[in-house]
Amino acid sequence: QVQLVESGGGLVQAGGSLRLSCAASGRTEVSSYAMGWFRQAPGKEREFVAGFNWSGGRINYADSVKGRFSISRDNAKKTAYLQMLSLKPEDTAVYYCAAVRRQVGVPLTSNDYDDWGQGTQVTVSS
């Protein structure tokens, strides 16, 4: 099991940017995990935003964020980042990071992840 803590959310105007952080802790080595970013807007289902596998270079993005969002990571700090550019009002949601033990690939559905952070609110005003 891994513990996840998100930070970096806030209120931003359309066209602005934010960077979310997801810090992982626990006894397990994160290199054994895949990590994903999800978001959930009021009245909507939780949806996949982006994800990567610590042990490989595979990164997946949802079509709605391709070209605007990017993932990076700091292995020493066990921290993943979601850089969000050109934000739109429809990006408004609670953003969660999630983790699952997996050596290969990046799961795209929330049911495939075992560990979740508490979420951080992102609000984009028009």
Foldseek 3Di string as FASTA:
>chain_A
DKAKAKDWADEEAAQAKIKMKIFIDDDDQQQQKKKFKWWDDPPDDIFTAKIDHSVDDDIDGDPVQPPFWDKDDDRVRNMIMIIGGRDDQVVWTWMKMFMDRHNDDHDGDPVRTDYIYPTDTHGYHD
